[in-house]
Full PDB file with SEQRES, HELIX, SHEET, SSBOND, CRYST1, ORIGX, SCALE, CONECT and MASTER records, all heavy atoms in Angstrom:
SEQRES   1 A   39  LEU GLY ASN ARG LEU ALA SER GLY PRO GLY SER GLY MET          
SEQRES   2 A   39  LYS PHE THR LEU ASP ASP ARG THR ALA VAL ILE ILE GLY          
SEQRES   3 A   39  PRO ASN SER VAL ILE THR VAL ASP GLU PHE ALA ALA ASP          
SHEET    1 AA1 2 ARG A   4  ALA A   6  0                                        
SHEET    2 AA1 2 VAL A  30  THR A  32 -1                                        
SHEET    1 AA2 2 MET A  13  THR A  16  0                                        
SHEET    2 AA2 2 ALA A  22  ILE A  25 -1                                        
CRYST1    1.000    1.000    1.000  90.00  90.00  90.00 P 1           1          
ORIGX1      1.000000  0.000000  0.000000        0.00000                         
ORIGX2      0.000000  1.000000  0.000000        0.00000                         
ORIGX3      0.000000  0.000000  1.000000        0.00000                         
SCALE1      1.000000  0.000000  0.000000        0.00000                         
SCALE2      0.000000  1.000000  0.000000        0.00000                         
SCALE3      0.000000  0.000000  1.000000        0.00000                         
ATOM      1  N   LEU A   1       5.202  77.757-181.921  1.00  0.00           N  
ATOM      2  CA  LEU A   1       5.149  78.769-182.961  1.00  0.00           C  
ATOM      3  C   LEU A   1       5.935  78.266-184.155  1.00  0.00           C  
ATOM      4  O   LEU A   1       7.206  77.948-183.962  1.00  0.00           O  
ATOM      5  CB  LEU A   1       5.719  80.057-182.349  1.00  0.00           C  
ATOM      6  CG  LEU A   1       5.534  81.279-183.364  1.00  0.00           C  
ATOM      7  CD1 LEU A   1       4.030  81.710-183.482  1.00  0.00           C  
ATOM      8  CD2 LEU A   1       6.407  82.435-182.739  1.00  0.00           C  
ATOM      9  N   GLY A   2       5.394  78.297-185.326  1.00  0.00           N  
ATOM     10  CA  GLY A   2       6.174  78.020-186.595  1.00  0.00           C  
ATOM     11  C   GLY A   2       6.061  76.562-186.971  1.00  0.00           C  
ATOM     12  O   GLY A   2       6.482  76.197-188.109  1.00  0.00           O  
ATOM     13  N   ASN A   3       5.666  75.634-186.079  1.00  0.00           N  
ATOM     14  CA  ASN A   3       5.582  74.176-186.435  1.00  0.00           C  
ATOM     15  C   ASN A   3       4.282  73.873-187.236  1.00  0.00           C  
ATOM     16  O   ASN A   3       3.268  74.431-186.934  1.00  0.00           O  
ATOM     17  CB  ASN A   3       5.501  73.378-185.122  1.00  0.00           C  
ATOM     18  CG  ASN A   3       6.902  73.130-184.619  1.00  0.00           C  
ATOM     19  OD1 ASN A   3       7.912  73.877-184.984  1.00  0.00           O  
ATOM     20  ND2 ASN A   3       7.067  72.321-183.609  1.00  0.00           N  
ATOM     21  N   ARG A   4       4.472  73.063-188.301  1.00  0.00           N  
ATOM     22  CA  ARG A   4       3.365  72.566-189.083  1.00  0.00           C  
ATOM     23  C   ARG A   4       2.497  71.553-188.280  1.00  0.00           C  
ATOM     24  O   ARG A   4       3.070  70.580-187.781  1.00  0.00           O  
ATOM     25  CB  ARG A   4       3.749  72.086-190.391  1.00  0.00           C  
ATOM     26  CG  ARG A   4       4.439  73.028-191.275  1.00  0.00           C  
ATOM     27  CD  ARG A   4       5.133  72.424-192.521  1.00  0.00           C  
ATOM     28  NE  ARG A   4       4.096  72.196-193.548  1.00  0.00           N  
ATOM     29  CZ  ARG A   4       3.792  70.918-194.013  1.00  0.00           C  
ATOM     30  NH1 ARG A   4       4.439  69.856-193.466  1.00  0.00           N  
ATOM     31  NH2 ARG A   4       2.948  70.691-194.920  1.00  0.00           N  
ATOM     32  N   LEU A   5       1.197  71.693-188.264  1.00  0.00           N  
ATOM     33  CA  LEU A   5       0.315  70.789-187.568  1.00  0.00           C  
ATOM     34  C   LEU A   5      -0.586  70.052-188.586  1.00  0.00           C  
ATOM     35  O   LEU A   5      -1.199  70.748-189.406  1.00  0.00           O  
ATOM     36  CB  LEU A   5      -0.633  71.529-186.513  1.00  0.00           C  
ATOM     37  CG  LEU A   5       0.141  72.405-185.559  1.00  0.00           C  
ATOM     38  CD1 LEU A   5      -0.941  73.242-184.775  1.00  0.00           C  
ATOM     39  CD2 LEU A   5       0.964  71.547-184.646  1.00  0.00           C  
ATOM     40  N   ALA A   6      -0.400  68.731-188.673  1.00  0.00           N  
ATOM     41  CA  ALA A   6      -1.042  68.048-189.702  1.00  0.00           C  
ATOM     42  C   ALA A   6      -1.976  66.970-189.136  1.00  0.00           C  
ATOM     43  O   ALA A   6      -1.617  66.354-188.104  1.00  0.00           O  
ATOM     44  CB  ALA A   6      -0.002  67.354-190.629  1.00  0.00           C  
ATOM     45  N   SER A   7      -3.154  66.702-189.747  1.00  0.00           N  
ATOM     46  CA  SER A   7      -4.049  65.731-189.321  1.00  0.00           C  
ATOM     47  C   SER A   7      -4.102  64.587-190.442  1.00  0.00           C  
ATOM     48  O   SER A   7      -3.734  64.870-191.669  1.00  0.00           O  
ATOM     49  CB  SER A   7      -5.464  66.190-189.225  1.00  0.00           C  
ATOM     50  OG  SER A   7      -5.889  66.874-190.307  1.00  0.00           O  
ATOM     51  N   GLY A   8      -4.460  63.462-190.082  1.00  0.00           N  
ATOM     52  CA  GLY A   8      -4.425  62.297-191.056  1.00  0.00           C  
ATOM     53  C   GLY A   8      -5.772  62.243-191.635  1.00  0.00           C  
ATOM     54  O   GLY A   8      -6.696  63.033-191.539  1.00  0.00           O  
ATOM     55  N   PRO A   9      -5.961  61.100-192.552  1.00  0.00           N  
ATOM     56  CA  PRO A   9      -7.150  60.987-193.355  1.00  0.00           C  
ATOM     57  C   PRO A   9      -8.417  60.708-192.567  1.00  0.00           C  
ATOM     58  O   PRO A   9      -9.522  60.971-192.990  1.00  0.00           O  
ATOM     59  CB  PRO A   9      -6.726  59.851-194.301  1.00  0.00           C  
ATOM     60  CG  PRO A   9      -5.743  59.115-193.603  1.00  0.00           C  
ATOM     61  CD  PRO A   9      -4.904  60.073-192.745  1.00  0.00           C  
ATOM     62  N   GLY A  10      -8.194  60.169-191.436  1.00  0.00           N  
ATOM     63  CA  GLY A  10      -9.435  59.799-190.624  1.00  0.00           C  
ATOM     64  C   GLY A  10      -9.754  60.477-189.441  1.00  0.00           C  
ATOM     65  O   GLY A  10     -10.667  60.178-188.682  1.00  0.00           O  
ATOM     66  N   SER A  11      -8.948  61.604-189.151  1.00  0.00           N  
ATOM     67  CA  SER A  11      -9.277  62.350-187.988  1.00  0.00           C  
ATOM     68  C   SER A  11      -8.729  63.838-188.069  1.00  0.00           C  
ATOM     69  O   SER A  11      -8.067  64.086-188.921  1.00  0.00           O  
ATOM     70  CB  SER A  11      -8.519  61.680-186.738  1.00  0.00           C  
ATOM     71  OG  SER A  11      -7.163  61.814-186.897  1.00  0.00           O  
ATOM     72  N   GLY A  12      -9.330  64.680-187.212  1.00  0.00           N  
ATOM     73  CA  GLY A  12      -8.904  66.080-187.170  1.00  0.00           C  
ATOM     74  C   GLY A  12      -8.062  66.393-186.025  1.00  0.00           C  
ATOM     75  O   GLY A  12      -7.613  65.408-185.324  1.00  0.00           O  
ATOM     76  N   MET A  13      -7.982  67.651-185.687  1.00  0.00           N  
ATOM     77  CA  MET A  13      -7.163  68.075-184.495  1.00  0.00           C  
ATOM     78  C   MET A  13      -7.738  69.333-183.985  1.00  0.00           C  
ATOM     79  O   MET A  13      -8.210  70.223-184.746  1.00  0.00           O  
ATOM     80  CB  MET A  13      -5.738  68.311-184.825  1.00  0.00           C  
ATOM     81  CG  MET A  13      -4.811  68.818-183.757  1.00  0.00           C  
ATOM     82  SD  MET A  13      -3.122  69.299-184.316  1.00  0.00           S  
ATOM     83  CE  MET A  13      -2.594  67.805-185.030  1.00  0.00           C  
ATOM     84  N   LYS A  14      -7.793  69.401-182.609  1.00  0.00           N  
ATOM     85  CA  LYS A  14      -8.257  70.609-182.002  1.00  0.00           C  
ATOM     86  C   LYS A  14      -7.237  71.154-181.108  1.00  0.00           C  
ATOM     87  O   LYS A  14      -6.499  70.335-180.264  1.00  0.00           O  
ATOM     88  CB  LYS A  14      -9.565  70.363-181.215  1.00  0.00           C  
ATOM     89  CG  LYS A  14     -10.033  71.625-180.394  1.00  0.00           C  
ATOM     90  CD  LYS A  14     -11.328  71.254-179.603  1.00  0.00           C  
ATOM     91  CE  LYS A  14     -11.799  72.577-178.925  1.00  0.00           C  
ATOM     92  NZ  LYS A  14     -13.073  72.309-178.073  1.00  0.00           N  
ATOM     93  N   PHE A  15      -6.966  72.455-181.014  1.00  0.00           N  
ATOM     94  CA  PHE A  15      -5.902  73.015-180.109  1.00  0.00           C  
ATOM     95  C   PHE A  15      -6.545  74.451-179.659  1.00  0.00           C  
ATOM     96  O   PHE A  15      -7.211  75.018-180.370  1.00  0.00           O  
ATOM     97  CB  PHE A  15      -4.679  73.089-180.731  1.00  0.00           C  
ATOM     98  CG  PHE A  15      -4.445  73.963-182.001  1.00  0.00           C  
ATOM     99  CD1 PHE A  15      -4.110  75.269-181.802  1.00  0.00           C  
ATOM    100  CD2 PHE A  15      -4.584  73.289-183.186  1.00  0.00           C  
ATOM    101  CE1 PHE A  15      -3.957  76.041-183.045  1.00  0.00           C  
ATOM    102  CE2 PHE A  15      -4.453  74.116-184.371  1.00  0.00           C  
ATOM    103  CZ  PHE A  15      -4.106  75.445-184.304  1.00  0.00           C  
ATOM    104  N   THR A  16      -6.069  74.905-178.461  1.00  0.00           N  
ATOM    105  CA  THR A  16      -6.407  76.122-177.984  1.00  0.00           C  
ATOM    106  C   THR A  16      -5.176  77.034-177.801  1.00  0.00           C  
ATOM    107  O   THR A  16      -4.185  76.534-177.134  1.00  0.00           O  
ATOM    108  CB  THR A  16      -7.152  75.970-176.616  1.00  0.00           C  
ATOM    109  OG1 THR A  16      -8.314  75.144-176.836  1.00  0.00           O  
ATOM    110  CG2 THR A  16      -7.589  77.357-176.055  1.00  0.00           C  
ATOM    111  N   LEU A  17      -5.154  78.171-178.239  1.00  0.00           N  
ATOM    112  CA  LEU A  17      -4.001  79.050-178.106  1.00  0.00           C  
ATOM    113  C   LEU A  17      -4.063  79.732-176.739  1.00  0.00           C  
ATOM    114  O   LEU A  17      -5.009  79.669-176.039  1.00  0.00           O  
ATOM    115  CB  LEU A  17      -3.982  80.165-179.268  1.00  0.00           C  
ATOM    116  CG  LEU A  17      -3.957  79.619-180.649  1.00  0.00           C  
ATOM    117  CD1 LEU A  17      -4.080  80.732-181.630  1.00  0.00           C  
ATOM    118  CD2 LEU A  17      -2.639  78.786-180.866  1.00  0.00           C  
ATOM    119  N   ASP A  18      -2.925  80.352-176.348  1.00  0.00           N  
ATOM    120  CA  ASP A  18      -2.867  80.907-175.064  1.00  0.00           C  
ATOM    121  C   ASP A  18      -3.815  82.137-174.822  1.00  0.00           C  
ATOM    122  O   ASP A  18      -4.072  82.450-173.660  1.00  0.00           O  
ATOM    123  CB  ASP A  18      -1.367  81.434-174.755  1.00  0.00           C  
ATOM    124  CG  ASP A  18      -0.446  80.169-174.572  1.00  0.00           C  
ATOM    125  OD1 ASP A  18      -1.003  79.107-174.320  1.00  0.00           O  
ATOM    126  OD2 ASP A  18       0.813  80.462-174.686  1.00  0.00           O  
ATOM    127  N   ASP A  19      -4.339  82.711-175.964  1.00  0.00           N  
ATOM    128  CA  ASP A  19      -5.409  83.766-175.769  1.00  0.00           C  
ATOM    129  C   ASP A  19      -6.767  83.126-175.627  1.00  0.00           C  
ATOM    130  O   ASP A  19      -7.761  83.941-175.747  1.00  0.00           O  
ATOM    131  CB  ASP A  19      -5.271  84.754-176.801  1.00  0.00           C  
ATOM    132  CG  ASP A  19      -5.576  84.210-178.300  1.00  0.00           C  
ATOM    133  OD1 ASP A  19      -5.755  82.923-178.298  1.00  0.00           O  
ATOM    134  OD2 ASP A  19      -5.506  84.860-179.225  1.00  0.00           O  
ATOM    135  N   ARG A  20      -6.937  81.835-175.649  1.00  0.00           N  
ATOM    136  CA  ARG A  20      -8.131  81.134-175.584  1.00  0.00           C  
ATOM    137  C   ARG A  20      -8.898  81.032-176.966  1.00  0.00           C  
ATOM    138  O   ARG A  20     -10.071  80.543-177.058  1.00  0.00           O  
ATOM    139  CB  ARG A  20      -9.187  81.700-174.543  1.00  0.00           C  
ATOM    140  CG  ARG A  20      -8.565  81.661-173.124  1.00  0.00           C  
ATOM    141  CD  ARG A  20      -9.608  81.962-172.250  1.00  0.00           C  
ATOM    142  NE  ARG A  20      -9.056  82.137-170.696  1.00  0.00           N  
ATOM    143  CZ  ARG A  20      -8.967  81.075-170.022  1.00  0.00           C  
ATOM    144  NH1 ARG A  20      -9.399  79.876-170.409  1.00  0.00           N  
ATOM    145  NH2 ARG A  20      -8.466  81.131-168.765  1.00  0.00           N  
ATOM    146  N   THR A  21      -8.252  81.409-177.981  1.00  0.00           N  
ATOM    147  CA  THR A  21      -8.749  81.080-179.258  1.00  0.00           C  
ATOM    148  C   THR A  21      -8.736  79.597-179.566  1.00  0.00           C  
ATOM    149  O   THR A  21      -7.640  78.879-179.415  1.00  0.00           O  
ATOM    150  CB  THR A  21      -8.012  81.845-180.471  1.00  0.00           C  
ATOM    151  OG1 THR A  21      -8.111  83.271-180.234  1.00  0.00           O  
ATOM    152  CG2 THR A  21      -8.329  81.459-181.864  1.00  0.00           C  
ATOM    153  N   ALA A  22      -9.836  79.022-180.004  1.00  0.00           N  
ATOM    154  CA  ALA A  22      -9.983  77.592-180.285  1.00  0.00           C  
ATOM    155  C   ALA A  22      -9.997  77.423-181.746  1.00  0.00           C  
ATOM    156  O   ALA A  22     -10.645  78.113-182.511  1.00  0.00           O  
ATOM    157  CB  ALA A  22     -11.260  77.050-179.624  1.00  0.00           C  
ATOM    158  N   VAL A  23      -9.049  76.454-182.198  1.00  0.00           N  
ATOM    159  CA  VAL A  23      -8.891  76.073-183.597  1.00  0.00           C  
ATOM    160  C   VAL A  23      -9.125  74.602-183.778  1.00  0.00           C  
ATOM    161  O   VAL A  23      -8.604  73.822-183.029  1.00  0.00           O  
ATOM    162  CB  VAL A  23      -7.562  76.447-184.105  1.00  0.00           C  
ATOM    163  CG1 VAL A  23      -7.361  76.193-185.591  1.00  0.00           C  
ATOM    164  CG2 VAL A  23      -7.219  77.891-183.822  1.00  0.00           C  
ATOM    165  N   ILE A  24      -9.824  74.261-184.893  1.00  0.00           N  
ATOM    166  CA  ILE A  24     -10.101  72.816-185.175  1.00  0.00           C  
ATOM    167  C   ILE A  24      -9.665  72.740-186.693  1.00  0.00           C  
ATOM    168  O   ILE A  24     -10.101  73.555-187.513  1.00  0.00           O  
ATOM    169  CB  ILE A  24     -11.564  72.378-184.977  1.00  0.00           C  
ATOM    170  CG1 ILE A  24     -11.925  72.661-183.563  1.00  0.00           C  
ATOM    171  CG2 ILE A  24     -11.669  70.940-185.346  1.00  0.00           C  
ATOM    172  CD1 ILE A  24     -13.421  72.343-183.280  1.00  0.00           C  
ATOM    173  N   ILE A  25      -8.975  71.712-187.059  1.00  0.00           N  
ATOM    174  CA  ILE A  25      -8.725  71.333-188.370  1.00  0.00           C  
ATOM    175  C   ILE A  25      -9.220  69.989-188.736  1.00  0.00           C  
ATOM    176  O   ILE A  25      -9.334  69.190-187.873  1.00  0.00           O  
ATOM    177  CB  ILE A  25      -7.293  71.340-188.819  1.00  0.00           C  
ATOM    178  CG1 ILE A  25      -6.389  70.420-188.011  1.00  0.00           C  
ATOM    179  CG2 ILE A  25      -6.718  72.813-188.681  1.00  0.00           C  
ATOM    180  CD1 ILE A  25      -4.941  70.216-188.450  1.00  0.00           C  
ATOM    181  N   GLY A  26      -9.873  69.846-189.929  1.00  0.00           N  
ATOM    182  CA  GLY A  26     -10.474  68.586-190.278  1.00  0.00           C  
ATOM    183  C   GLY A  26      -9.492  67.571-190.740  1.00  0.00           C  
ATOM    184  O   GLY A  26      -8.202  67.838-190.711  1.00  0.00           O  
ATOM    185  N   PRO A  27      -9.972  66.488-191.263  1.00  0.00           N  
ATOM    186  CA  PRO A  27      -9.021  65.438-191.819  1.00  0.00           C  
ATOM    187  C   PRO A  27      -8.163  65.985-193.018  1.00  0.00           C  
ATOM    188  O   PRO A  27      -8.613  66.897-193.810  1.00  0.00           O  
ATOM    189  CB  PRO A  27      -9.991  64.396-192.351  1.00  0.00           C  
ATOM    190  CG  PRO A  27     -11.196  64.512-191.499  1.00  0.00           C  
ATOM    191  CD  PRO A  27     -11.277  66.002-191.369  1.00  0.00           C  
ATOM    192  N   ASN A  28      -7.015  65.443-193.042  1.00  0.00           N  
ATOM    193  CA  ASN A  28      -6.035  65.721-194.219  1.00  0.00           C  
ATOM    194  C   ASN A  28      -5.756  67.334-194.312  1.00  0.00           C  
ATOM    195  O   ASN A  28      -5.873  67.934-195.307  1.00  0.00           O  
ATOM    196  CB  ASN A  28      -6.568  65.311-195.590  1.00  0.00           C  
ATOM    197  CG  ASN A  28      -6.580  63.792-195.654  1.00  0.00           C  
ATOM    198  OD1 ASN A  28      -5.577  63.125-195.259  1.00  0.00           O  
ATOM    199  ND2 ASN A  28      -7.654  63.162-196.281  1.00  0.00           N  
ATOM    200  N   SER A  29      -5.667  67.925-193.180  1.00  0.00           N  
ATOM    201  CA  SER A  29      -5.387  69.346-193.034  1.00  0.00           C  
ATOM    202  C   SER A  29      -4.055  69.578-192.539  1.00  0.00           C  
ATOM    203  O   SER A  29      -3.482  68.877-191.795  1.00  0.00           O  
ATOM    204  CB  SER A  29      -6.466  69.997-192.209  1.00  0.00           C  
ATOM    205  OG  SER A  29      -7.804  69.728-192.708  1.00  0.00           O  
ATOM    206  N   VAL A  30      -3.436  70.776-192.895  1.00  0.00           N  
ATOM    207  CA  VAL A  30      -2.336  71.273-192.489  1.00  0.00           C  
ATOM    208  C   VAL A  30      -2.271  72.693-192.063  1.00  0.00           C  
ATOM    209  O   VAL A  30      -2.749  73.535-192.901  1.00  0.00           O  
ATOM    210  CB  VAL A  30      -1.039  71.088-193.492  1.00  0.00           C  
ATOM    211  CG1 VAL A  30       0.269  71.660-192.943  1.00  0.00           C  
ATOM    212  CG2 VAL A  30      -0.844  69.616-193.823  1.00  0.00           C  
ATOM    213  N   ILE A  31      -1.851  73.082-190.843  1.00  0.00           N  
ATOM    214  CA  ILE A  31      -2.031  74.545-190.392  1.00  0.00           C  
ATOM    215  C   ILE A  31      -0.777  74.796-189.604  1.00  0.00           C  
ATOM    216  O   ILE A  31      -0.150  73.957-189.035  1.00  0.00           O  
ATOM    217  CB  ILE A  31      -3.236  74.760-189.629  1.00  0.00           C  
ATOM    218  CG1 ILE A  31      -3.652  76.273-189.493  1.00  0.00           C  
ATOM    219  CG2 ILE A  31      -3.183  74.146-188.177  1.00  0.00           C  
ATOM    220  CD1 ILE A  31      -5.003  76.513-188.919  1.00  0.00           C  
ATOM    221  N   THR A  32      -0.452  76.153-189.631  1.00  0.00           N  
ATOM    222  CA  THR A  32       0.704  76.639-188.834  1.00  0.00           C  
ATOM    223  C   THR A  32       0.339  77.861-188.067  1.00  0.00           C  
ATOM    224  O   THR A  32      -0.323  78.742-188.681  1.00  0.00           O  
ATOM    225  CB  THR A  32       2.000  76.773-189.815  1.00  0.00           C  
ATOM    226  OG1 THR A  32       2.306  75.730-190.611  1.00  0.00           O  
ATOM    227  CG2 THR A  32       3.279  77.279-189.049  1.00  0.00           C  
ATOM    228  N   VAL A  33       0.956  78.092-186.842  1.00  0.00           N  
ATOM    229  CA  VAL A  33       0.718  79.323-186.183  1.00  0.00           C  
ATOM    230  C   VAL A  33       2.015  80.164-186.562  1.00  0.00           C  
ATOM    231  O   VAL A  33       3.037  79.844-186.032  1.00  0.00           O  
ATOM    232  CB  VAL A  33       0.670  79.126-184.714  1.00  0.00           C  
ATOM    233  CG1 VAL A  33       0.408  80.449-184.048  1.00  0.00           C  
ATOM    234  CG2 VAL A  33      -0.522  78.201-184.363  1.00  0.00           C  
ATOM    235  N   ASP A  34       1.921  81.050-187.473  1.00  0.00           N  
ATOM    236  CA  ASP A  34       2.997  81.817-187.985  1.00  0.00           C  
ATOM    237  C   ASP A  34       3.291  82.954-187.069  1.00  0.00           C  
ATOM    238  O   ASP A  34       4.554  83.357-186.794  1.00  0.00           O  
ATOM    239  CB  ASP A  34       2.655  82.440-189.237  1.00  0.00           C  
ATOM    240  CG  ASP A  34       2.886  81.387-190.366  1.00  0.00           C  
ATOM    241  OD1 ASP A  34       3.471  80.306-190.116  1.00  0.00           O  
ATOM    242  OD2 ASP A  34       2.531  81.697-191.483  1.00  0.00           O  
ATOM    243  N   GLU A  35       2.349  83.639-186.397  1.00  0.00           N  
ATOM    244  CA  GLU A  35       2.552  84.785-185.430  1.00  0.00           C  
ATOM    245  C   GLU A  35       1.596  84.692-184.299  1.00  0.00           C  
ATOM    246  O   GLU A  35       0.386  84.145-184.416  1.00  0.00           O  
ATOM    247  CB  GLU A  35       2.394  86.047-186.133  1.00  0.00           C  
ATOM    248  CG  GLU A  35       3.343  86.469-187.260  1.00  0.00           C  
ATOM    249  CD  GLU A  35       3.074  87.896-187.826  1.00  0.00           C  
ATOM    250  OE1 GLU A  35       2.694  88.738-187.047  1.00  0.00           O  
ATOM    251  OE2 GLU A  35       3.237  88.027-189.075  1.00  0.00           O  
ATOM    252  N   PHE A  36       2.053  85.057-183.113  1.00  0.00           N  
ATOM    253  CA  PHE A  36       1.135  85.060-181.981  1.00  0.00           C  
ATOM    254  C   PHE A  36       1.561  86.190-181.049  1.00  0.00           C  
ATOM    255  O   PHE A  36       2.684  86.353-180.615  1.00  0.00           O  
ATOM    256  CB  PHE A  36       1.244  83.769-181.133  1.00  0.00           C  
ATOM    257  CG  PHE A  36       0.322  83.706-179.959  1.00  0.00           C  
ATOM    258  CD1 PHE A  36      -1.070  83.304-180.108  1.00  0.00           C  
ATOM    259  CD2 PHE A  36       0.760  84.049-178.688  1.00  0.00           C  
ATOM    260  CE1 PHE A  36      -1.867  83.329-179.099  1.00  0.00           C  
ATOM    261  CE2 PHE A  36      -0.132  84.053-177.633  1.00  0.00           C  
ATOM    262  CZ  PHE A  36      -1.421  83.663-177.879  1.00  0.00           C  
ATOM    263  N   ALA A  37       0.552  87.130-180.848  1.00  0.00           N  
ATOM    264  CA  ALA A  37       0.780  88.267-179.862  1.00  0.00           C  
ATOM    265  C   ALA A  37      -0.545  88.554-179.222  1.00  0.00           C  
ATOM    266  O   ALA A  37      -1.608  87.941-179.483  1.00  0.00           O  
ATOM    267  CB  ALA A  37       1.191  89.545-180.714  1.00  0.00           C  
ATOM    268  N   ALA A  38      -0.559  89.450-178.295  1.00  0.00           N  
ATOM    269  CA  ALA A  38      -1.668  89.788-177.415  1.00  0.00           C  
ATOM    270  C   ALA A  38      -2.817  90.346-178.360  1.00  0.00           C  
ATOM    271  O   ALA A  38      -3.970  90.212-177.953  1.00  0.00           O  
ATOM    272  CB  ALA A  38      -1.353  90.777-176.404  1.00  0.00           C  
ATOM    273  N   ASP A  39      -2.504  90.993-179.454  1.00  0.00           N  
ATOM    274  CA  ASP A  39      -3.566  91.598-180.356  1.00  0.00           C  
ATOM    275  C   ASP A  39      -3.452  91.225-181.805  1.00  0.00           C  
ATOM    276  O   ASP A  39      -4.005  91.864-182.557  1.00  0.00           O  
ATOM    277  CB  ASP A  39      -3.399  93.183-180.128  1.00  0.00           C  
ATOM    278  CG  ASP A  39      -2.071  93.695-180.558  1.00  0.00           C  
ATOM    279  OD1 ASP A  39      -1.126  92.893-180.808  1.00  0.00           O  
ATOM    280  OD2 ASP A  39      -1.946  94.976-180.689  1.00  0.00           O  
TER     281      ASP A  39                                                      
MASTER        0    0    0    0    4    0    0    6  280    1    0    3          
END                                                                             
């Protein structure tokens, strides 16, 4: 929680949260999970 996730120019990243929500970011992307709760 709170860490910046960054992908490089030639690849993306996929991760699954504990509620089974699936997130994919494309190349050269930056995303952060700011909050996580049951709802």
